[in-house]
Amino acid sequence: MQNPNISKHVSLIHGPALSDKVKSANILIAGVGGIGVEIIKNLVLSGFTRLTLIDFDVVDISNLNRNLYLKKEHAIQRQSKVEVVAKTILEQYPSLEIQALNQSIMNFQPDFFKGFDVIFCAVDALIAREYLGTMCCIANKPMIEAGTQGFAGQVKMQIRGKFACNMCRRFRGEIEEAGCSVRAIPREPIHAVAWAKDLFGRLFNKLEEGMKSLLLMEDEERMKNMGIEIFDQLFCVNLKTSYDEELLEKYLSPITYKEALEIQEENSVREVILEAQKIWSIEKCAKNFLEGFGALVKRKKNKPDEEIEIDKDDKDIMRFLCATSNLRIYNFLKVDAKLKYISLFELREKVENMVPTISSTNSIVAGIQVAEAIKCLKEDYGSLKKMWVGQYGNDKVESVRLDPTNFKCEACSYKKVYLDLRVRPDVTLGEFKEFMERNYCVKEVTITRENRVLYDETDDDEDMKEIYEGNLKRLLNKGLLSVNGLNDPFEFHCYIELTSEEMGAKIVPGIAREKVVEQQRIYLQQVYDDEKQKMMKLYKRHIF
């Protein structure tokens, strides 16, 4: 059903030359949640035909209210979100080229990103955003990032050497917390809290199947048994039926109510002043889940037509949410080091600060992102802006100038020089060292791989010198090597690709030496200008 009409109106809007660029552009969308699916829809209707989608989450029931490609049966079967989205789009537009990758964005290296013309960031975890931003800097590809919080949102572009990347904020003191949504695989405590809040709504306000019959029960023992059944379903059965065997065996910890009662040690290892600051044991979480569940069911029985609103001062609601969040964290504790149990005190703060996802805001920011992508294809960099979607006032969408690159940034500053090197298999580390000294003027060289020193010319230890000399005779392996000179301001990050092709030289760089020298000149000028400003401030402060 794809579609001569789309091609026709794209040609009318863009003109023939830009239309061809749009059709041939290779686009990457990282994240197919609320913003990601809106980006995909807009790209397809704007004439883009080559899309690669990445997401490693599975469909959750909470996704359905803001994702136009997902249905209830996908959530019940816990299907891969990215595969469902790709399949649905191809059913509508079979002539599109769509690749669906059910993986974390952090599994991919710079070479992967170099094949794309524009990259969209629609992931919610801060660490994944920063990783993607860094990879785009290394690959020298434009990335368009967006985020929303309720009715507010923003869109910004990063291009190395032109505009600041999303790591630059660290040097401006603007550490931003990623917007959160309910995730089938939580990576941070806030994801578990969001899941618990969503469960609360489904159990006590939307009244999922089973809950209506529970409200009719008079026997308290039967109600308690039903609560235990729901506990086992949530924290054991669902995990065993929803995730693949490898993930389940390595990282997940299903637990029944009976098993939870046997885990009695307290999780708190720090001194606390208030009772609310204590971290409950899993046994206490299980008991509080059941007690909170029973109290809320009784409350619902008395007023079945009234919604129970989440109140951070309501004891029953807070203990249910805290217990649920920590049990969810227990299930996934081995997935990510950032997952940690939370106290009632921390829960109240997180619940108070959480902002719901609004589908209309997602649509607005996704539309802006696609418009900015078209500017990139036109190479109209002067008109690119950071766009703010305001919560109040008449000016719903406002634009400001994009921030320039911060030359102190560890990702996009030209202090870091990224080199792709095609290397014959017979090249040694010593020949690689001579290549860097000859071509890039690196003196008194240190070469490392994954923080392991392979060669250090400045080391005076005789035993280490012997080891380093032996390393110089070894053949190069594929992967990343970092090269520094003793007094050199630059850090060279060399991605080694072994090739059996006949080449005139043993090592061929993927970037011209002249371009590297230009990057170095820009960086040194920035350093010089910055030092001049510091000197002028110092001078003015001490004028007599």
Foldseek 3Di string as FASTA:
>chain_A
DDDVVLLVVLCVVPNDVLLVLLQPFAEEEEDCALLNQLLVVLSVSNNYFHYEYEEQFWDAPQRVVRHPQDDPVSRVQRHQPQVSSVVSVCVVVVRGHYHYHNDQPLVDALVVVLVGQEYEYDDFAPVSQVSVQLSCLLSQHKYWYKADFAQKIKIAIDGFQFFATPLCVVVVVNDDHGADAATNADAALLNLLNVLVVVLCVVQPVNPPPNVVLLVDPDVVVNLVVLQVVQLVVQAVCVVSNDDPVCQVPFFDRDGLVRLLVFADWPDPDDDDDPQQGFGTSNQLSVLLSVLVSVSSVVCSVPVNDGDDDDLPDPSNLSNSLSSSQSSCNRGVRVYVNRDRGGSVVSSVSVVPHGDDDSVSSNVNSNVSVVVSSCVSVVVVVPGWMWIQDPDDDCRIDTDHGHHYDLVRPRRHLLEAEKEKEAEQQAAQLNVVVCCCVLVVAAQKWKDDPPHTLAGSPDPDPVVNVSNVVRRNHTDDAAWMWMHHPPRSHIYIYGYDYDNDDDPDRMDIPDDSVVSVVSVVVSVVVVVVVVVVVVVVVCVVPDD
